[in-house]
mmCIF file of all heavy atoms, coordinates in Angstrom:
data_MODEL
# 
_entry.id   MODEL 
# 
loop_
_atom_site.group_PDB 
_atom_site.id 
_atom_site.type_symbol 
_atom_site.label_atom_id 
_atom_site.label_alt_id 
_atom_site.label_comp_id 
_atom_site.label_asym_id 
_atom_site.label_entity_id 
_atom_site.label_seq_id 
_atom_site.pdbx_PDB_ins_code 
_atom_site.Cartn_x 
_atom_site.Cartn_y 
_atom_site.Cartn_z 
_atom_site.occupancy 
_atom_site.B_iso_or_equiv 
_atom_site.pdbx_formal_charge 
_atom_site.auth_seq_id 
_atom_site.auth_comp_id 
_atom_site.auth_asym_id 
_atom_site.auth_atom_id 
_atom_site.pdbx_PDB_model_num 
ATOM 1   N N   . MET A 1 1  ? 6.100   -12.527 -7.176  1.00 0.00 ? 1  MET A N   1 
ATOM 2   C CA  . MET A 1 1  ? 7.427   -12.414 -6.597  1.00 0.00 ? 1  MET A CA  1 
ATOM 3   C C   . MET A 1 1  ? 7.239   -12.489 -5.026  1.00 0.00 ? 1  MET A C   1 
ATOM 4   O O   . MET A 1 1  ? 6.172   -12.370 -4.520  1.00 0.00 ? 1  MET A O   1 
ATOM 5   C CB  . MET A 1 1  ? 8.026   -11.147 -6.993  1.00 0.00 ? 1  MET A CB  1 
ATOM 6   C CG  . MET A 1 1  ? 7.276   -9.836  -6.530  1.00 0.00 ? 1  MET A CG  1 
ATOM 7   S SD  . MET A 1 1  ? 7.897   -8.248  -7.127  1.00 0.00 ? 1  MET A SD  1 
ATOM 8   C CE  . MET A 1 1  ? 7.622   -8.421  -8.858  1.00 0.00 ? 1  MET A CE  1 
ATOM 9   N N   . PRO A 1 2  ? 8.346   -12.716 -4.270  1.00 0.00 ? 2  PRO A N   1 
ATOM 10  C CA  . PRO A 1 2  ? 8.202   -12.744 -2.843  1.00 0.00 ? 2  PRO A CA  1 
ATOM 11  C C   . PRO A 1 2  ? 7.673   -11.351 -2.314  1.00 0.00 ? 2  PRO A C   1 
ATOM 12  O O   . PRO A 1 2  ? 7.930   -10.300 -2.931  1.00 0.00 ? 2  PRO A O   1 
ATOM 13  C CB  . PRO A 1 2  ? 9.603   -12.971 -2.351  1.00 0.00 ? 2  PRO A CB  1 
ATOM 14  C CG  . PRO A 1 2  ? 10.307  -13.648 -3.538  1.00 0.00 ? 2  PRO A CG  1 
ATOM 15  C CD  . PRO A 1 2  ? 9.633   -13.078 -4.745  1.00 0.00 ? 2  PRO A CD  1 
ATOM 16  N N   . MET A 1 3  ? 6.933   -11.362 -1.226  1.00 0.00 ? 3  MET A N   1 
ATOM 17  C CA  . MET A 1 3  ? 6.270   -10.074 -0.686  1.00 0.00 ? 3  MET A CA  1 
ATOM 18  C C   . MET A 1 3  ? 7.366   -9.144  -0.375  1.00 0.00 ? 3  MET A C   1 
ATOM 19  O O   . MET A 1 3  ? 7.132   -7.921  -0.601  1.00 0.00 ? 3  MET A O   1 
ATOM 20  C CB  . MET A 1 3  ? 5.521   -10.521 0.542   1.00 0.00 ? 3  MET A CB  1 
ATOM 21  C CG  . MET A 1 3  ? 4.606   -9.408  0.983   1.00 0.00 ? 3  MET A CG  1 
ATOM 22  S SD  . MET A 1 3  ? 3.227   -9.174  -0.218  1.00 0.00 ? 3  MET A SD  1 
ATOM 23  C CE  . MET A 1 3  ? 2.647   -7.524  0.350   1.00 0.00 ? 3  MET A CE  1 
ATOM 24  N N   . ASP A 1 4  ? 8.472   -9.374  0.102   1.00 0.00 ? 4  ASP A N   1 
ATOM 25  C CA  . ASP A 1 4  ? 9.512   -8.460  0.500   1.00 0.00 ? 4  ASP A CA  1 
ATOM 26  C C   . ASP A 1 4  ? 10.003  -7.753  -0.788  1.00 0.00 ? 4  ASP A C   1 
ATOM 27  O O   . ASP A 1 4  ? 10.203  -6.499  -0.756  1.00 0.00 ? 4  ASP A O   1 
ATOM 28  C CB  . ASP A 1 4  ? 10.674  -9.093  1.146   1.00 0.00 ? 4  ASP A CB  1 
ATOM 29  C CG  . ASP A 1 4  ? 10.387  -9.582  2.543   1.00 0.00 ? 4  ASP A CG  1 
ATOM 30  O OD1 . ASP A 1 4  ? 9.355   -9.076  3.108   1.00 0.00 ? 4  ASP A OD1 1 
ATOM 31  O OD2 . ASP A 1 4  ? 11.189  -10.371 3.140   1.00 0.00 ? 4  ASP A OD2 1 
ATOM 32  N N   . GLU A 1 5  ? 10.097  -8.446  -1.842  1.00 0.00 ? 5  GLU A N   1 
ATOM 33  C CA  . GLU A 1 5  ? 10.561  -7.913  -3.121  1.00 0.00 ? 5  GLU A CA  1 
ATOM 34  C C   . GLU A 1 5  ? 9.422   -6.958  -3.703  1.00 0.00 ? 5  GLU A C   1 
ATOM 35  O O   . GLU A 1 5  ? 9.622   -5.903  -4.099  1.00 0.00 ? 5  GLU A O   1 
ATOM 36  C CB  . GLU A 1 5  ? 10.893  -8.984  -4.144  1.00 0.00 ? 5  GLU A CB  1 
ATOM 37  C CG  . GLU A 1 5  ? 11.259  -8.432  -5.473  1.00 0.00 ? 5  GLU A CG  1 
ATOM 38  C CD  . GLU A 1 5  ? 11.645  -9.481  -6.518  1.00 0.00 ? 5  GLU A CD  1 
ATOM 39  O OE1 . GLU A 1 5  ? 11.758  -10.742 -6.093  1.00 0.00 ? 5  GLU A OE1 1 
ATOM 40  O OE2 . GLU A 1 5  ? 11.764  -9.208  -7.681  1.00 0.00 ? 5  GLU A OE2 1 
ATOM 41  N N   . TRP A 1 6  ? 8.166   -7.420  -3.536  1.00 0.00 ? 6  TRP A N   1 
ATOM 42  C CA  . TRP A 1 6  ? 7.048   -6.618  -3.972  1.00 0.00 ? 6  TRP A CA  1 
ATOM 43  C C   . TRP A 1 6  ? 7.075   -5.230  -3.234  1.00 0.00 ? 6  TRP A C   1 
ATOM 44  O O   . TRP A 1 6  ? 6.967   -4.140  -3.875  1.00 0.00 ? 6  TRP A O   1 
ATOM 45  C CB  . TRP A 1 6  ? 5.718   -7.375  -3.718  1.00 0.00 ? 6  TRP A CB  1 
ATOM 46  C CG  . TRP A 1 6  ? 4.567   -6.450  -3.989  1.00 0.00 ? 6  TRP A CG  1 
ATOM 47  C CD1 . TRP A 1 6  ? 3.844   -5.688  -3.102  1.00 0.00 ? 6  TRP A CD1 1 
ATOM 48  C CD2 . TRP A 1 6  ? 3.946   -6.200  -5.288  1.00 0.00 ? 6  TRP A CD2 1 
ATOM 49  N NE1 . TRP A 1 6  ? 2.807   -4.989  -3.704  1.00 0.00 ? 6  TRP A NE1 1 
ATOM 50  C CE2 . TRP A 1 6  ? 2.911   -5.230  -4.990  1.00 0.00 ? 6  TRP A CE2 1 
ATOM 51  C CE3 . TRP A 1 6  ? 4.248   -6.566  -6.594  1.00 0.00 ? 6  TRP A CE3 1 
ATOM 52  C CZ2 . TRP A 1 6  ? 2.106   -4.735  -5.961  1.00 0.00 ? 6  TRP A CZ2 1 
ATOM 53  C CZ3 . TRP A 1 6  ? 3.433   -5.999  -7.534  1.00 0.00 ? 6  TRP A CZ3 1 
ATOM 54  C CH2 . TRP A 1 6  ? 2.353   -5.163  -7.295  1.00 0.00 ? 6  TRP A CH2 1 
ATOM 55  N N   . LYS A 1 7  ? 7.173   -5.349  -1.976  1.00 0.00 ? 7  LYS A N   1 
ATOM 56  C CA  . LYS A 1 7  ? 7.097   -4.124  -1.132  1.00 0.00 ? 7  LYS A CA  1 
ATOM 57  C C   . LYS A 1 7  ? 8.261   -3.200  -1.484  1.00 0.00 ? 7  LYS A C   1 
ATOM 58  O O   . LYS A 1 7  ? 7.982   -1.941  -1.613  1.00 0.00 ? 7  LYS A O   1 
ATOM 59  C CB  . LYS A 1 7  ? 7.177   -4.440  0.435   1.00 0.00 ? 7  LYS A CB  1 
ATOM 60  C CG  . LYS A 1 7  ? 5.944   -5.009  0.957   1.00 0.00 ? 7  LYS A CG  1 
ATOM 61  C CD  . LYS A 1 7  ? 6.036   -5.279  2.430   1.00 0.00 ? 7  LYS A CD  1 
ATOM 62  C CE  . LYS A 1 7  ? 4.796   -5.802  2.997   1.00 0.00 ? 7  LYS A CE  1 
ATOM 63  N NZ  . LYS A 1 7  ? 4.870   -6.002  4.476   1.00 0.00 ? 7  LYS A NZ  1 
ATOM 64  N N   . ALA A 1 8  ? 9.518   -3.740  -1.783  1.00 0.00 ? 8  ALA A N   1 
ATOM 65  C CA  . ALA A 1 8  ? 10.662  -2.890  -2.043  1.00 0.00 ? 8  ALA A CA  1 
ATOM 66  C C   . ALA A 1 8  ? 10.643  -2.262  -3.357  1.00 0.00 ? 8  ALA A C   1 
ATOM 67  O O   . ALA A 1 8  ? 11.174  -1.212  -3.639  1.00 0.00 ? 8  ALA A O   1 
ATOM 68  C CB  . ALA A 1 8  ? 11.975  -3.753  -1.838  1.00 0.00 ? 8  ALA A CB  1 
ATOM 69  N N   . THR A 1 9  ? 10.004  -2.951  -4.347  1.00 0.00 ? 9  THR A N   1 
ATOM 70  C CA  . THR A 1 9  ? 10.069  -2.544  -5.754  1.00 0.00 ? 9  THR A CA  1 
ATOM 71  C C   . THR A 1 9  ? 8.786   -1.980  -6.306  1.00 0.00 ? 9  THR A C   1 
ATOM 72  O O   . THR A 1 9  ? 8.850   -1.274  -7.317  1.00 0.00 ? 9  THR A O   1 
ATOM 73  C CB  . THR A 1 9  ? 10.568  -3.660  -6.696  1.00 0.00 ? 9  THR A CB  1 
ATOM 74  O OG1 . THR A 1 9  ? 9.598   -4.707  -6.660  1.00 0.00 ? 9  THR A OG1 1 
ATOM 75  C CG2 . THR A 1 9  ? 11.888  -4.208  -6.337  1.00 0.00 ? 9  THR A CG2 1 
ATOM 76  N N   . ARG A 1 10 ? 7.606   -2.300  -5.657  1.00 0.00 ? 10 ARG A N   1 
ATOM 77  C CA  . ARG A 1 10 ? 6.347   -1.898  -6.239  1.00 0.00 ? 10 ARG A CA  1 
ATOM 78  C C   . ARG A 1 10 ? 5.440   -1.003  -5.328  1.00 0.00 ? 10 ARG A C   1 
ATOM 79  O O   . ARG A 1 10 ? 4.643   -0.252  -5.732  1.00 0.00 ? 10 ARG A O   1 
ATOM 80  C CB  . ARG A 1 10 ? 5.500   -3.114  -6.591  1.00 0.00 ? 10 ARG A CB  1 
ATOM 81  C CG  . ARG A 1 10 ? 6.256   -4.089  -7.460  1.00 0.00 ? 10 ARG A CG  1 
ATOM 82  C CD  . ARG A 1 10 ? 6.280   -3.573  -8.958  1.00 0.00 ? 10 ARG A CD  1 
ATOM 83  N NE  . ARG A 1 10 ? 6.624   -4.653  -9.980  1.00 0.00 ? 10 ARG A NE  1 
ATOM 84  C CZ  . ARG A 1 10 ? 7.814   -4.914  -10.390 1.00 0.00 ? 10 ARG A CZ  1 
ATOM 85  N NH1 . ARG A 1 10 ? 8.815   -4.234  -9.879  1.00 0.00 ? 10 ARG A NH1 1 
ATOM 86  N NH2 . ARG A 1 10 ? 7.992   -5.847  -11.251 1.00 0.00 ? 10 ARG A NH2 1 
ATOM 87  N N   . GLN A 1 11 ? 5.596   -1.233  -3.972  1.00 0.00 ? 11 GLN A N   1 
ATOM 88  C CA  . GLN A 1 11 ? 4.614   -0.569  -3.099  1.00 0.00 ? 11 GLN A CA  1 
ATOM 89  C C   . GLN A 1 11 ? 5.135   0.810   -2.647  1.00 0.00 ? 11 GLN A C   1 
ATOM 90  O O   . GLN A 1 11 ? 6.211   0.979   -2.334  1.00 0.00 ? 11 GLN A O   1 
ATOM 91  C CB  . GLN A 1 11 ? 4.540   -1.503  -1.841  1.00 0.00 ? 11 GLN A CB  1 
ATOM 92  C CG  . GLN A 1 11 ? 3.427   -1.086  -0.832  1.00 0.00 ? 11 GLN A CG  1 
ATOM 93  C CD  . GLN A 1 11 ? 3.115   -2.020  0.267   1.00 0.00 ? 11 GLN A CD  1 
ATOM 94  O OE1 . GLN A 1 11 ? 2.912   -3.187  -0.056  1.00 0.00 ? 11 GLN A OE1 1 
ATOM 95  N NE2 . GLN A 1 11 ? 3.241   -1.631  1.411   1.00 0.00 ? 11 GLN A NE2 1 
ATOM 96  N N   . THR A 1 12 ? 4.190   1.728   -2.655  1.00 0.00 ? 12 THR A N   1 
ATOM 97  C CA  . THR A 1 12 ? 4.421   3.039   -2.300  1.00 0.00 ? 12 THR A CA  1 
ATOM 98  C C   . THR A 1 12 ? 3.790   3.338   -0.945  1.00 0.00 ? 12 THR A C   1 
ATOM 99  O O   . THR A 1 12 ? 2.797   2.614   -0.622  1.00 0.00 ? 12 THR A O   1 
ATOM 100 C CB  . THR A 1 12 ? 3.979   4.160   -3.300  1.00 0.00 ? 12 THR A CB  1 
ATOM 101 O OG1 . THR A 1 12 ? 2.548   3.953   -3.471  1.00 0.00 ? 12 THR A OG1 1 
ATOM 102 C CG2 . THR A 1 12 ? 4.718   3.941   -4.690  1.00 0.00 ? 12 THR A CG2 1 
ATOM 103 N N   . PRO A 1 13 ? 4.281   4.293   -0.130  1.00 0.00 ? 13 PRO A N   1 
ATOM 104 C CA  . PRO A 1 13 ? 3.600   4.578   1.145   1.00 0.00 ? 13 PRO A CA  1 
ATOM 105 C C   . PRO A 1 13 ? 2.199   4.953   0.900   1.00 0.00 ? 13 PRO A C   1 
ATOM 106 O O   . PRO A 1 13 ? 1.827   5.729   0.008   1.00 0.00 ? 13 PRO A O   1 
ATOM 107 C CB  . PRO A 1 13 ? 4.530   5.716   1.758   1.00 0.00 ? 13 PRO A CB  1 
ATOM 108 C CG  . PRO A 1 13 ? 5.760   5.613   1.093   1.00 0.00 ? 13 PRO A CG  1 
ATOM 109 C CD  . PRO A 1 13 ? 5.433   5.073   -0.339  1.00 0.00 ? 13 PRO A CD  1 
ATOM 110 N N   . ALA A 1 14 ? 1.293   4.542   1.809   1.00 0.00 ? 14 ALA A N   1 
ATOM 111 C CA  . ALA A 1 14 ? -0.175  5.085   1.756   1.00 0.00 ? 14 ALA A CA  1 
ATOM 112 C C   . ALA A 1 14 ? -0.303  6.375   2.435   1.00 0.00 ? 14 ALA A C   1 
ATOM 113 O O   . ALA A 1 14 ? 0.240   6.640   3.405   1.00 0.00 ? 14 ALA A O   1 
ATOM 114 C CB  . ALA A 1 14 ? -0.991  4.057   2.483   1.00 0.00 ? 14 ALA A CB  1 
ATOM 115 N N   . THR A 1 15 ? -1.197  7.162   1.732   1.00 0.00 ? 15 THR A N   1 
ATOM 116 C CA  . THR A 1 15 ? -1.554  8.419   2.347   1.00 0.00 ? 15 THR A CA  1 
ATOM 117 C C   . THR A 1 15 ? -2.786  8.262   3.336   1.00 0.00 ? 15 THR A C   1 
ATOM 118 O O   . THR A 1 15 ? -3.426  7.253   3.274   1.00 0.00 ? 15 THR A O   1 
ATOM 119 C CB  . THR A 1 15 ? -1.931  9.419   1.232   1.00 0.00 ? 15 THR A CB  1 
ATOM 120 O OG1 . THR A 1 15 ? -3.089  9.010   0.665   1.00 0.00 ? 15 THR A OG1 1 
ATOM 121 C CG2 . THR A 1 15 ? -0.762  9.594   0.174   1.00 0.00 ? 15 THR A CG2 1 
ATOM 122 N N   . GLU A 1 16 ? -2.942  9.308   4.182   1.00 0.00 ? 16 GLU A N   1 
ATOM 123 C CA  . GLU A 1 16 ? -4.014  9.251   5.053   1.00 0.00 ? 16 GLU A CA  1 
ATOM 124 C C   . GLU A 1 16 ? -5.398  9.087   4.198   1.00 0.00 ? 16 GLU A C   1 
ATOM 125 O O   . GLU A 1 16 ? -6.270  8.506   4.638   1.00 0.00 ? 16 GLU A O   1 
ATOM 126 C CB  . GLU A 1 16 ? -4.069  10.551  5.829   1.00 0.00 ? 16 GLU A CB  1 
ATOM 127 C CG  . GLU A 1 16 ? -2.942  10.510  6.879   1.00 0.00 ? 16 GLU A CG  1 
ATOM 128 C CD  . GLU A 1 16 ? -3.076  9.256   7.951   1.00 0.00 ? 16 GLU A CD  1 
ATOM 129 O OE1 . GLU A 1 16 ? -4.135  9.023   8.333   1.00 0.00 ? 16 GLU A OE1 1 
ATOM 130 O OE2 . GLU A 1 16 ? -1.987  8.808   8.188   1.00 0.00 ? 16 GLU A OE2 1 
ATOM 131 N N   . GLU A 1 17 ? -5.337  9.830   3.100   1.00 0.00 ? 17 GLU A N   1 
ATOM 132 C CA  . GLU A 1 17 ? -6.669  9.756   2.225   1.00 0.00 ? 17 GLU A CA  1 
ATOM 133 C C   . GLU A 1 17 ? -6.915  8.360   1.700   1.00 0.00 ? 17 GLU A C   1 
ATOM 134 O O   . GLU A 1 17 ? -7.937  7.871   1.768   1.00 0.00 ? 17 GLU A O   1 
ATOM 135 C CB  . GLU A 1 17 ? -6.546  10.718  1.060   1.00 0.00 ? 17 GLU A CB  1 
ATOM 136 C CG  . GLU A 1 17 ? -7.752  10.844  0.182   1.00 0.00 ? 17 GLU A CG  1 
ATOM 137 C CD  . GLU A 1 17 ? -7.467  11.806  -0.942  1.00 0.00 ? 17 GLU A CD  1 
ATOM 138 O OE1 . GLU A 1 17 ? -6.956  12.931  -0.683  1.00 0.00 ? 17 GLU A OE1 1 
ATOM 139 O OE2 . GLU A 1 17 ? -7.887  11.463  -2.124  1.00 0.00 ? 17 GLU A OE2 1 
ATOM 140 N N   . GLN A 1 18 ? -5.854  7.712   1.263   1.00 0.00 ? 18 GLN A N   1 
ATOM 141 C CA  . GLN A 1 18 ? -5.984  6.349   0.786   1.00 0.00 ? 18 GLN A CA  1 
ATOM 142 C C   . GLN A 1 18 ? -6.402  5.437   1.943   1.00 0.00 ? 18 GLN A C   1 
ATOM 143 O O   . GLN A 1 18 ? -7.319  4.505   1.668   1.00 0.00 ? 18 GLN A O   1 
ATOM 144 C CB  . GLN A 1 18 ? -4.568  5.816   0.286   1.00 0.00 ? 18 GLN A CB  1 
ATOM 145 C CG  . GLN A 1 18 ? -4.258  6.431   -1.094  1.00 0.00 ? 18 GLN A CG  1 
ATOM 146 C CD  . GLN A 1 18 ? -2.832  6.028   -1.479  1.00 0.00 ? 18 GLN A CD  1 
ATOM 147 O OE1 . GLN A 1 18 ? -1.895  6.138   -0.685  1.00 0.00 ? 18 GLN A OE1 1 
ATOM 148 N NE2 . GLN A 1 18 ? -2.691  5.596   -2.675  1.00 0.00 ? 18 GLN A NE2 1 
ATOM 149 N N   . LEU A 1 19 ? -5.896  5.577   3.160   1.00 0.00 ? 19 LEU A N   1 
ATOM 150 C CA  . LEU A 1 19 ? -6.221  4.741   4.263   1.00 0.00 ? 19 LEU A CA  1 
ATOM 151 C C   . LEU A 1 19 ? -7.707  5.014   4.523   1.00 0.00 ? 19 LEU A C   1 
ATOM 152 O O   . LEU A 1 19 ? -8.456  3.972   4.953   1.00 0.00 ? 19 LEU A O   1 
ATOM 153 C CB  . LEU A 1 19 ? -5.332  5.050   5.441   1.00 0.00 ? 19 LEU A CB  1 
ATOM 154 C CG  . LEU A 1 19 ? -3.935  4.609   5.279   1.00 0.00 ? 19 LEU A CG  1 
ATOM 155 C CD1 . LEU A 1 19 ? -3.040  5.136   6.326   1.00 0.00 ? 19 LEU A CD1 1 
ATOM 156 C CD2 . LEU A 1 19 ? -3.806  3.108   5.232   1.00 0.00 ? 19 LEU A CD2 1 
ATOM 157 N N   . ALA A 1 20 ? -8.136  6.229   4.530   1.00 0.00 ? 20 ALA A N   1 
ATOM 158 C CA  . ALA A 1 20 ? -9.481  6.446   4.831   1.00 0.00 ? 20 ALA A CA  1 
ATOM 159 C C   . ALA A 1 20 ? -10.516 5.875   3.808   1.00 0.00 ? 20 ALA A C   1 
ATOM 160 O O   . ALA A 1 20 ? -11.533 5.334   4.164   1.00 0.00 ? 20 ALA A O   1 
ATOM 161 C CB  . ALA A 1 20 ? -9.800  8.038   4.900   1.00 0.00 ? 20 ALA A CB  1 
ATOM 162 N N   . ARG A 1 21 ? -10.172 5.943   2.546   1.00 0.00 ? 21 ARG A N   1 
ATOM 163 C CA  . ARG A 1 21 ? -10.977 5.275   1.544   1.00 0.00 ? 21 ARG A CA  1 
ATOM 164 C C   . ARG A 1 21 ? -11.042 3.873   1.688   1.00 0.00 ? 21 ARG A C   1 
ATOM 165 O O   . ARG A 1 21 ? -12.062 3.253   1.537   1.00 0.00 ? 21 ARG A O   1 
ATOM 166 C CB  . ARG A 1 21 ? -10.430 5.723   0.122   1.00 0.00 ? 21 ARG A CB  1 
ATOM 167 C CG  . ARG A 1 21 ? -11.002 6.941   -0.491  1.00 0.00 ? 21 ARG A CG  1 
ATOM 168 C CD  . ARG A 1 21 ? -10.708 7.034   -1.928  1.00 0.00 ? 21 ARG A CD  1 
ATOM 169 N NE  . ARG A 1 21 ? -9.353  6.709   -2.344  1.00 0.00 ? 21 ARG A NE  1 
ATOM 170 C CZ  . ARG A 1 21 ? -8.361  7.682   -2.478  1.00 0.00 ? 21 ARG A CZ  1 
ATOM 171 N NH1 . ARG A 1 21 ? -8.671  8.884   -2.322  1.00 0.00 ? 21 ARG A NH1 1 
ATOM 172 N NH2 . ARG A 1 21 ? -7.230  7.260   -2.927  1.00 0.00 ? 21 ARG A NH2 1 
ATOM 173 N N   . MET A 1 22 ? -9.853  3.280   1.997   1.00 0.00 ? 22 MET A N   1 
ATOM 174 C CA  . MET A 1 22 ? -9.837  1.800   2.154   1.00 0.00 ? 22 MET A CA  1 
ATOM 175 C C   . MET A 1 22 ? -10.713 1.391   3.356   1.00 0.00 ? 22 MET A C   1 
ATOM 176 O O   . MET A 1 22 ? -11.480 0.471   3.220   1.00 0.00 ? 22 MET A O   1 
ATOM 177 C CB  . MET A 1 22 ? -8.468  1.345   2.537   1.00 0.00 ? 22 MET A CB  1 
ATOM 178 C CG  . MET A 1 22 ? -8.254  -0.155  2.841   1.00 0.00 ? 22 MET A CG  1 
ATOM 179 S SD  . MET A 1 22 ? -6.739  -0.677  3.315   1.00 0.00 ? 22 MET A SD  1 
ATOM 180 C CE  . MET A 1 22 ? -6.684  -0.129  5.086   1.00 0.00 ? 22 MET A CE  1 
ATOM 181 N N   . LYS A 1 23 ? -10.655 2.113   4.460   1.00 0.00 ? 23 LYS A N   1 
ATOM 182 C CA  . LYS A 1 23 ? -11.505 1.835   5.675   1.00 0.00 ? 23 LYS A CA  1 
ATOM 183 C C   . LYS A 1 23 ? -12.945 1.889   5.340   1.00 0.00 ? 23 LYS A C   1 
ATOM 184 O O   . LYS A 1 23 ? -13.702 0.981   5.662   1.00 0.00 ? 23 LYS A O   1 
ATOM 185 C CB  . LYS A 1 23 ? -11.144 2.768   6.794   1.00 0.00 ? 23 LYS A CB  1 
ATOM 186 C CG  . LYS A 1 23 ? -11.852 2.472   8.078   1.00 0.00 ? 23 LYS A CG  1 
ATOM 187 C CD  . LYS A 1 23 ? -11.472 3.431   9.164   1.00 0.00 ? 23 LYS A CD  1 
ATOM 188 C CE  . LYS A 1 23 ? -12.210 3.167   10.401  1.00 0.00 ? 23 LYS A CE  1 
ATOM 189 N NZ  . LYS A 1 23 ? -11.914 4.000   11.582  1.00 0.00 ? 23 LYS A NZ  1 
ATOM 190 N N   . ALA A 1 24 ? -13.414 2.969   4.551   1.00 0.00 ? 24 ALA A N   1 
ATOM 191 C CA  . ALA A 1 24 ? -14.794 3.047   4.187   1.00 0.00 ? 24 ALA A CA  1 
ATOM 192 C C   . ALA A 1 24 ? -15.269 1.983   3.222   1.00 0.00 ? 24 ALA A C   1 
ATOM 193 O O   . ALA A 1 24 ? -16.242 1.395   3.388   1.00 0.00 ? 24 ALA A O   1 
ATOM 194 C CB  . ALA A 1 24 ? -15.004 4.435   3.578   1.00 0.00 ? 24 ALA A CB  1 
ATOM 195 N N   . SER A 1 25 ? -14.265 1.600   2.271   1.00 0.00 ? 25 SER A N   1 
ATOM 196 C CA  . SER A 1 25 ? -14.617 0.624   1.321   1.00 0.00 ? 25 SER A CA  1 
ATOM 197 C C   . SER A 1 25 ? -14.785 -0.799  1.989   1.00 0.00 ? 25 SER A C   1 
ATOM 198 O O   . SER A 1 25 ? -15.614 -1.480  1.713   1.00 0.00 ? 25 SER A O   1 
ATOM 199 C CB  . SER A 1 25 ? -13.525 0.602   0.259   1.00 0.00 ? 25 SER A CB  1 
ATOM 200 O OG  . SER A 1 25 ? -13.765 -0.399  -0.764  1.00 0.00 ? 25 SER A OG  1 
# 
């Protein structure tokens, strides 16, 4: 689906913990 639709219907806000794990990964 278009990215705007994905963000609106599927994506949730990232937490600080998720962002830290992503950076390390």
